[in-house]
């Protein structure tokens, strides 16, 4: 099989595996008698674990030639961690499951990015990663739709069975990628740029990550974005179900499907939009979408409100899913630390995502769902302010030609 087709198949099936049972966790635990604050706290524990694991996972991807093995092991462990929830609903069992899901899931992002870069090299990365994300969001649509229908028809147990099936298919798709199709130097961002042992040794240092100011600004902006964004989907599902506006499984599936359909379109057009207005402009659009989403979510806690609320999520997350990894590759190309760079960005944005469910859960329980959405939307304006404040520096970095040397990038 063409390795690019197998890669897209991997991204399709991985969509239902990477986050475990994802947004269904909230309504599943709510059905077991859990309160919003407890649900938010246990999700935060998983988020923190994933945040701490992402940078080491990226470093491992850079260092190893067994990238396919990382994906296989992570996919199997994530699936098993999700399945255990069906048999036990105790707080510490659920917490352990979320921690395991987050830690193993943290390896999937850098590993898939590394494999993609190793197959298509830097020149083809933007286009191929866009295709990966189209497949990934399409997988989310199919997984969520099947989960919603199966959950409504047969109960939550069917959702767990589906997660197991997707886990098996993820492993099969990974093994269909030929081992010799991956150039491991290109996969870590070296390609033909490092011609001797000394240069490889220099590339192994972490100093480049701390001296690349645009990378740190990107990570900080994403952290504030995800602090406001991560809790909105599960909270909106809880709010509508609590208001008796929909069936838990069916409505949660609807929230995912609407967002993911928009993400498919956003990911498909992301590369063209990047070529037209640049990375900086694309990221600005994503940061503008979230505050508006918070206001709309607060105003319309109804079954039909899912359409505008999740469409805005789809625009922001869909564009970021392509623009962020591609921008990291551009900033760190030639350093040999592309995947650990991906991991660092994921770690910092994961800090915001990890704290978001706890913040949203406390706000929802003590001040109501509408207030929670407004506060989460307001918090996210920090990313917009940072992106505009350092606009000159970021525009220069995001608009670099690919033939600019690594030294000039670090001098920005």
Protein backbone atom coordinates (compact mmCIF):
# COMPACT_ATOMS: atom_id res chain seq x y z
CA UNK A 1 0.00 0.00 0.00
CA UNK A 2 1.11 3.57 -0.71
CA UNK A 3 2.42 4.77 2.69
CA UNK A 4 0.56 8.06 2.34
CA UNK A 5 -2.78 6.21 2.00
CA UNK A 6 -1.92 4.07 5.02
CA UNK A 7 -1.01 7.25 6.91
CA UNK A 8 -4.39 8.77 6.13
CA UNK A 9 -6.10 5.54 7.20
CA UNK A 10 -4.16 5.67 10.46
CA UNK A 11 -5.34 9.23 11.09
CA UNK A 12 -8.94 8.23 10.35
CA UNK A 13 -9.06 5.35 12.83
CA UNK A 14 -6.83 7.07 15.38
CA UNK A 15 -9.41 9.84 15.79
CA UNK A 16 -11.65 7.66 17.97
CA UNK A 17 -8.69 6.27 19.91
CA UNK A 18 -6.57 9.28 20.84
CA UNK A 19 -8.97 10.85 23.36
CA UNK A 20 -10.47 7.61 24.67
CA UNK A 21 -14.25 8.00 24.87
CA UNK A 22 -13.67 11.76 24.85
CA UNK A 23 -16.72 13.99 25.38
CA UNK A 24 -18.84 10.91 26.13
CA UNK A 25 -16.93 10.59 29.41
CA UNK A 26 -18.76 13.55 30.93
CA UNK A 27 -22.30 12.34 30.24
CA UNK A 28 -21.30 8.75 31.05
CA UNK A 29 -20.06 9.75 34.51
CA UNK A 30 -23.04 12.05 34.98
CA UNK A 31 -25.28 9.03 34.41
CA UNK A 32 -23.32 7.24 37.17
CA UNK A 33 -24.16 10.05 39.64
CA UNK A 34 -21.03 12.18 39.28
CA UNK A 35 -21.24 15.98 39.77
CA UNK A 36 -19.73 18.51 37.30
CA UNK A 37 -16.92 19.50 39.69
CA UNK A 38 -15.79 15.88 40.18
CA UNK A 39 -15.98 15.24 36.42
CA UNK A 40 -13.90 18.34 35.71
CA UNK A 41 -11.32 17.40 38.34
CA UNK A 42 -10.74 13.86 37.07
CA UNK A 43 -10.43 15.14 33.50
CA UNK A 44 -7.90 17.70 34.71
CA UNK A 45 -5.76 14.94 36.28
CA UNK A 46 -5.56 13.26 32.89
CA UNK A 47 -4.80 16.55 31.20
CA UNK A 48 -1.90 17.27 33.55
CA UNK A 49 -0.46 13.78 33.02
CA UNK A 50 -0.68 14.20 29.26
CA UNK A 51 0.92 17.62 29.48
CA UNK A 52 3.91 16.25 31.40
CA UNK A 53 4.32 13.31 29.01
CA UNK A 54 4.18 15.17 25.68
CA UNK A 55 7.66 16.72 25.59
CA UNK A 56 9.44 13.47 26.58
CA UNK A 57 7.29 11.69 24.00
CA UNK A 58 8.45 14.14 21.33
CA UNK A 59 12.08 13.60 22.35
CA UNK A 60 11.56 9.83 22.12
CA UNK A 61 10.11 10.19 18.62
CA UNK A 62 13.15 12.23 17.55
CA UNK A 63 15.56 9.66 18.99
CA UNK A 64 14.03 6.34 17.90
CA UNK A 65 13.68 4.53 14.59
CA UNK A 66 10.69 2.61 15.99
CA UNK A 67 8.08 5.29 15.42
CA UNK A 68 5.49 2.80 14.18
CA UNK A 69 5.98 0.79 17.39
CA UNK A 70 5.25 3.89 19.49
CA UNK A 71 1.96 4.39 17.65
CA UNK A 72 0.96 0.73 18.04
CA UNK A 73 1.74 0.60 21.78
CA UNK A 74 0.05 3.95 22.42
CA UNK A 75 -3.06 2.91 20.49
CA UNK A 76 -3.39 -0.39 22.37
CA UNK A 77 -2.85 1.15 25.80
CA UNK A 78 -5.27 4.01 25.14
CA UNK A 79 -7.97 1.58 24.04
CA UNK A 80 -7.51 -0.65 27.10
CA UNK A 81 -7.59 2.37 29.43
CA UNK A 82 -10.93 3.40 27.95
CA UNK A 83 -12.44 -0.08 28.15
CA UNK A 84 -11.71 -0.39 31.89
CA UNK A 85 -14.19 2.42 32.58
CA UNK A 86 -17.05 0.16 31.60
CA UNK A 87 -16.24 -2.21 34.46
CA UNK A 88 -15.47 0.29 37.22
CA UNK A 89 -16.70 3.82 37.95
CA UNK A 90 -14.72 4.49 41.16
CA UNK A 91 -12.96 7.84 41.35
CA UNK A 92 -9.40 6.51 41.39
CA UNK A 93 -10.06 3.91 38.70
CA UNK A 94 -11.48 6.63 36.44
CA UNK A 95 -8.56 8.91 37.33
CA UNK A 96 -6.02 6.18 36.54
CA UNK A 97 -7.77 5.49 33.25
CA UNK A 98 -7.66 9.15 32.27
CA UNK A 99 -3.99 9.42 33.21
CA UNK A 100 -3.09 6.35 31.14
CA UNK A 101 -5.19 7.60 28.22
CA UNK A 102 -3.52 11.00 28.36
CA UNK A 103 0.05 9.68 28.68
CA UNK A 104 -0.22 7.21 25.82
CA UNK A 105 -2.30 9.60 23.73
CA UNK A 106 0.43 12.24 24.19
CA UNK A 107 2.80 10.09 22.16
CA UNK A 108 0.47 9.79 19.19
CA UNK A 109 0.63 13.43 18.08
CA UNK A 110 4.44 13.77 17.80
CA UNK A 111 4.76 10.22 16.46
CA UNK A 112 2.30 10.76 13.60
CA UNK A 113 3.83 14.16 12.81
CA UNK A 114 7.29 12.57 12.74
CA UNK A 115 6.18 9.70 10.52
CA UNK A 116 4.50 12.17 8.16
CA UNK A 117 7.63 14.33 7.93
CA UNK A 118 9.75 11.21 7.41
CA UNK A 119 7.59 10.04 4.51
CA UNK A 120 6.93 13.28 2.58
CA UNK A 121 9.86 15.45 3.82
CA UNK A 122 9.51 19.16 4.62
CA UNK A 123 8.44 20.19 1.13
CA UNK A 124 5.36 17.99 1.20
CA UNK A 125 4.55 18.31 4.91
CA UNK A 126 1.96 21.11 4.82
CA UNK A 127 -0.11 19.42 2.12
CA UNK A 128 0.12 15.91 3.59
CA UNK A 129 -0.57 17.02 7.14
CA UNK A 130 -3.64 18.84 5.88
CA UNK A 131 -4.81 15.57 4.30
CA UNK A 132 -4.05 13.78 7.58
CA UNK A 133 -6.26 16.21 9.47
CA UNK A 134 -9.10 15.89 6.97
CA UNK A 135 -8.96 12.12 7.54
CA UNK A 136 -8.70 12.60 11.31
CA UNK A 137 -11.72 14.88 11.52
CA UNK A 138 -13.66 12.59 9.19
CA UNK A 139 -12.83 9.73 11.56
CA UNK A 140 -14.14 11.80 14.44
CA UNK A 141 -17.39 12.39 12.55
CA UNK A 142 -17.87 8.69 11.81
CA UNK A 143 -16.82 7.63 15.32
CA UNK A 144 -19.07 10.17 17.03
CA UNK A 145 -22.05 9.39 14.79
CA UNK A 146 -21.67 5.65 15.37
CA UNK A 147 -21.13 6.18 19.10
CA UNK A 148 -24.24 8.33 19.35
CA UNK A 149 -26.42 5.91 17.43
CA UNK A 150 -25.06 2.81 19.16
CA UNK A 151 -25.29 4.49 22.58
CA UNK A 152 -28.90 5.48 21.94
CA UNK A 153 -29.81 2.06 20.52
CA UNK A 154 -27.82 -0.28 22.80
CA UNK A 155 -26.55 1.83 25.71
CA UNK A 156 -23.13 3.17 26.67
CA UNK A 157 -21.56 -0.30 26.44
CA UNK A 158 -21.67 -0.10 22.65
CA UNK A 159 -19.55 3.08 22.77
CA UNK A 160 -16.78 1.16 24.53
CA UNK A 161 -16.98 -1.70 22.03
CA UNK A 162 -16.63 0.76 19.16
CA UNK A 163 -13.53 2.25 20.82
CA UNK A 164 -12.00 -1.24 20.87
CA UNK A 165 -12.75 -1.82 17.19
CA UNK A 166 -11.16 1.49 16.20
CA UNK A 167 -8.13 0.62 18.32
CA UNK A 168 -7.60 -2.62 16.37
CA UNK A 169 -7.97 -0.82 13.03
CA UNK A 170 -5.45 1.81 14.16
CA UNK A 171 -2.85 -0.89 14.75
CA UNK A 172 -3.54 -2.48 11.34
CA UNK A 173 -3.24 0.86 9.52
CA UNK A 174 0.07 1.59 11.27
CA UNK A 175 1.55 -1.77 10.26
CA UNK A 176 0.60 -1.10 6.64
CA UNK A 177 3.14 1.75 6.57
CA UNK A 178 6.36 0.21 5.30
CA UNK A 179 9.31 0.59 7.64
CA UNK A 180 11.61 1.69 4.80
CA UNK A 181 9.18 4.43 3.75
CA UNK A 182 10.27 6.59 6.72
CA UNK A 183 13.46 8.69 6.46
CA UNK A 184 14.31 9.12 10.14
CA UNK A 185 16.63 12.09 9.60
CA UNK A 186 13.89 13.95 7.76
CA UNK A 187 11.41 12.82 10.42
CA UNK A 188 13.28 14.80 13.07
CA UNK A 189 13.76 17.85 10.86
CA UNK A 190 17.32 17.25 9.67
CA UNK A 191 16.93 15.96 6.13
CA UNK A 192 20.07 16.83 4.23
CA UNK A 193 20.99 19.75 6.48
CA UNK A 194 23.23 17.85 8.89
CA UNK A 195 26.14 16.31 7.06
CA UNK A 196 28.45 15.28 9.84
CA UNK A 197 28.51 13.85 13.31
CA UNK A 198 29.16 17.22 14.98
CA UNK A 199 26.04 18.73 13.48
CA UNK A 200 23.95 15.76 14.62
CA UNK A 201 25.33 16.15 18.11
CA UNK A 202 24.44 19.85 18.15
CA UNK A 203 20.95 19.06 16.93
CA UNK A 204 20.26 16.87 19.94
CA UNK A 205 20.29 19.80 22.39
CA UNK A 206 17.16 21.42 23.81
CA UNK A 207 18.67 24.92 23.72
CA UNK A 208 17.11 25.63 20.35
CA UNK A 209 13.64 25.36 21.87
CA UNK A 210 14.37 28.00 24.52
CA UNK A 211 16.07 30.39 22.11
CA UNK A 212 13.33 30.32 19.48
CA UNK A 213 11.17 33.18 20.71
CA UNK A 214 8.35 32.77 18.14
CA UNK A 215 7.93 29.13 19.24
CA UNK A 216 7.52 30.18 22.87
CA UNK A 217 5.04 32.93 21.94
CA UNK A 218 3.03 30.42 19.90
CA UNK A 219 2.95 27.98 22.82
CA UNK A 220 1.86 30.67 25.31
CA UNK A 221 -0.94 31.89 23.04
CA UNK A 222 -2.18 28.32 22.57
CA UNK A 223 -2.11 27.72 26.33
CA UNK A 224 -4.53 30.60 26.93
CA UNK A 225 -6.67 29.54 23.99
CA UNK A 226 -7.08 25.99 25.32
CA UNK A 227 -7.71 27.20 28.88
CA UNK A 228 -10.92 28.68 27.52
CA UNK A 229 -11.64 26.12 24.82
CA UNK A 230 -11.09 22.64 26.26
CA UNK A 231 -13.99 22.66 28.73
CA UNK A 232 -16.61 24.11 26.41
CA UNK A 233 -17.59 20.97 24.51
CA UNK A 234 -18.12 18.67 27.53
CA UNK A 235 -19.73 21.52 29.54
CA UNK A 236 -22.12 22.40 26.73
CA UNK A 237 -23.20 18.77 26.48
CA UNK A 238 -23.77 18.66 30.26
CA UNK A 239 -25.67 21.98 30.20
CA UNK A 240 -28.10 20.91 27.49
CA UNK A 241 -28.65 17.44 28.99
CA UNK A 242 -29.16 18.97 32.46
CA UNK A 243 -31.80 21.24 30.96
CA UNK A 244 -33.54 18.13 29.56
CA UNK A 245 -33.00 19.31 26.01
CA UNK A 246 -31.66 16.04 24.60
CA UNK A 247 -30.70 12.38 25.01
CA UNK A 248 -27.18 12.17 26.54
CA UNK A 249 -25.57 9.87 23.94
CA UNK A 250 -27.33 11.30 20.91
CA UNK A 251 -26.79 14.94 21.84
CA UNK A 252 -23.12 14.46 22.75
CA UNK A 253 -22.61 12.76 19.40
CA UNK A 254 -24.34 15.69 17.69
CA UNK A 255 -22.01 18.22 19.32
CA UNK A 256 -19.01 16.27 18.05
CA UNK A 257 -20.37 15.65 14.56
CA UNK A 258 -21.24 19.31 13.94
CA UNK A 259 -17.79 20.50 15.03
CA UNK A 260 -15.92 17.78 13.17
CA UNK A 261 -17.80 18.37 9.91
CA UNK A 262 -16.72 22.00 10.05
CA UNK A 263 -13.18 20.87 10.95
CA UNK A 264 -13.06 18.66 7.87
CA UNK A 265 -13.79 21.68 5.69
CA UNK A 266 -11.43 23.92 7.69
CA UNK A 267 -8.58 21.40 7.47
CA UNK A 268 -9.20 20.91 3.75
CA UNK A 269 -8.90 24.63 3.01
CA UNK A 270 -6.28 25.41 5.69
CA UNK A 271 -3.25 25.01 3.43
CA UNK A 272 -4.76 27.27 0.76
CA UNK A 273 -5.65 29.84 3.41
CA UNK A 274 -2.10 29.69 4.81
CA UNK A 275 -0.69 30.35 1.34
CA UNK A 276 -3.01 33.33 0.93
CA UNK A 277 -2.87 35.13 4.30
CA UNK A 278 0.03 33.37 6.07
CA UNK A 279 0.29 31.46 9.31
CA UNK A 280 -0.14 34.58 11.44
CA UNK A 281 -3.44 35.49 9.80
CA UNK A 282 -4.79 31.94 10.07
CA UNK A 283 -3.94 31.75 13.78
CA UNK A 284 -5.55 35.16 14.34
CA UNK A 285 -8.82 33.82 12.90
CA UNK A 286 -8.75 30.88 15.32
CA UNK A 287 -8.17 33.16 18.31
CA UNK A 288 -11.08 35.40 17.29
CA UNK A 289 -13.53 32.50 17.04
CA UNK A 290 -13.37 31.37 20.69
CA UNK A 291 -14.63 34.50 22.55
CA UNK A 292 -17.58 34.63 20.16
CA UNK A 293 -18.22 30.95 20.86
CA UNK A 294 -18.36 31.60 24.62
CA UNK A 295 -20.99 34.33 24.21
CA UNK A 296 -23.13 32.20 21.89
CA UNK A 297 -22.90 29.18 24.23
CA UNK A 298 -24.03 31.31 27.19
CA UNK A 299 -26.98 32.73 25.27
CA UNK A 300 -28.31 29.55 23.67
CA UNK A 301 -28.29 26.49 25.95
CA UNK A 302 -30.69 24.61 23.71
CA UNK A 303 -30.62 21.60 21.41
CA UNK A 304 -30.34 23.76 18.27
CA UNK A 305 -27.65 25.99 19.85
CA UNK A 306 -25.13 23.25 19.16
CA UNK A 307 -24.95 24.35 15.53
CA UNK A 308 -23.42 27.84 15.97
CA UNK A 309 -21.46 26.86 19.11
CA UNK A 310 -19.77 23.86 17.54
CA UNK A 311 -19.37 25.46 14.11
CA UNK A 312 -17.18 28.10 15.76
CA UNK A 313 -15.23 25.33 17.48
CA UNK A 314 -14.75 23.64 14.13
CA UNK A 315 -13.30 26.77 12.55
CA UNK A 316 -10.78 27.36 15.34
CA UNK A 317 -9.71 23.78 16.00
CA UNK A 318 -9.80 22.74 12.34
CA UNK A 319 -7.46 25.49 11.20
CA UNK A 320 -5.14 25.02 14.18
CA UNK A 321 -4.87 21.27 13.60
CA UNK A 322 -3.05 22.00 10.34
CA UNK A 323 -1.43 25.39 10.97
CA UNK A 324 0.23 24.68 14.34
CA UNK A 325 2.24 21.52 13.43
CA UNK A 326 3.20 23.03 10.06
CA UNK A 327 4.36 26.24 11.74
CA UNK A 328 6.48 24.30 14.26
CA UNK A 329 8.14 22.42 11.38
CA UNK A 330 8.87 25.73 9.66
CA UNK A 331 10.37 27.31 12.79
CA UNK A 332 12.54 24.32 13.76
CA UNK A 333 13.52 22.86 10.39
CA UNK A 334 17.24 22.05 10.40
CA UNK A 335 17.53 21.69 14.18
CA UNK A 336 16.80 17.97 14.42
CA UNK A 337 14.34 18.72 17.23
CA UNK A 338 11.11 19.14 15.29
CA UNK A 339 9.18 16.47 17.19
CA UNK A 340 10.33 17.54 20.63
CA UNK A 341 9.31 21.04 19.49
CA UNK A 342 5.88 19.66 18.67
CA UNK A 343 5.89 18.09 22.12
CA UNK A 344 6.84 21.34 23.87
CA UNK A 345 4.04 23.25 22.13
CA UNK A 346 1.58 20.47 23.00
CA UNK A 347 2.81 20.49 26.59
CA UNK A 348 2.29 24.21 27.08
CA UNK A 349 -1.09 24.24 25.38
CA UNK A 350 -1.90 21.09 27.36
CA UNK A 351 -1.40 23.09 30.56
CA UNK A 352 -4.29 25.30 29.55
CA UNK A 353 -6.38 22.34 28.40
CA UNK A 354 -5.69 20.46 31.64
CA UNK A 355 -6.85 23.33 33.85
CA UNK A 356 -9.88 24.14 31.71
CA UNK A 357 -12.23 21.30 32.83
CA UNK A 358 -11.58 22.02 36.51
CA UNK A 359 -12.13 25.75 36.00
CA UNK A 360 -15.26 25.16 33.93
CA UNK A 361 -16.62 22.57 36.35
CA UNK A 362 -16.22 24.85 39.39
CA UNK A 363 -17.78 27.80 37.56
CA UNK A 364 -20.70 25.69 36.31
CA UNK A 365 -21.45 24.19 39.72
CA UNK A 366 -21.26 27.47 41.68
CA UNK A 367 -22.35 30.12 39.16
CA UNK A 368 -24.23 28.22 36.45
CA UNK A 369 -23.36 27.07 32.95
CA UNK A 370 -23.98 30.44 31.25
CA UNK A 371 -21.49 32.21 33.54
CA UNK A 372 -18.95 29.44 32.94
CA UNK A 373 -19.12 29.92 29.17
CA UNK A 374 -18.73 33.70 29.45
CA UNK A 375 -15.69 33.41 31.74
CA UNK A 376 -14.04 30.76 29.56
CA UNK A 377 -14.54 32.94 26.50
CA UNK A 378 -13.11 35.96 28.31
CA UNK A 379 -10.03 34.01 29.46
CA UNK A 380 -9.25 33.04 25.90
CA UNK A 381 -8.93 36.69 24.82
CA UNK A 382 -5.44 36.55 26.34
CA UNK A 383 -4.23 34.57 23.33
CA UNK A 384 -5.66 37.20 21.00
CA UNK A 385 -3.95 40.00 22.94
CA UNK A 386 -0.59 38.19 22.90
CA UNK A 387 -0.82 37.45 19.18
CA UNK A 388 -1.52 41.10 18.40
CA UNK A 389 1.00 42.56 20.90
CA UNK A 390 3.90 40.60 19.38
CA UNK A 391 2.46 40.77 15.88
CA UNK A 392 5.60 42.18 14.23
CA UNK A 393 7.89 39.45 15.56
CA UNK A 394 5.41 36.70 14.82
CA UNK A 395 4.63 37.92 11.30
CA UNK A 396 8.34 37.86 10.44
CA UNK A 397 8.74 34.33 11.79
CA UNK A 398 5.54 32.99 10.25
CA UNK A 399 6.35 34.48 6.86
CA UNK A 400 9.88 33.13 6.48
CA UNK A 401 10.85 31.53 3.20
CA UNK A 402 11.89 27.91 3.49
CA UNK A 403 15.45 28.65 2.33
CA UNK A 404 16.17 30.96 5.28
CA UNK A 405 18.87 29.52 7.51
CA UNK A 406 18.26 28.23 10.98
CA UNK A 407 20.58 30.86 12.47
CA UNK A 408 18.50 33.74 11.11
CA UNK A 409 15.35 32.16 12.55
CA UNK A 410 16.81 32.08 16.04
CA UNK A 411 17.90 35.69 15.69
CA UNK A 412 14.30 36.87 15.35
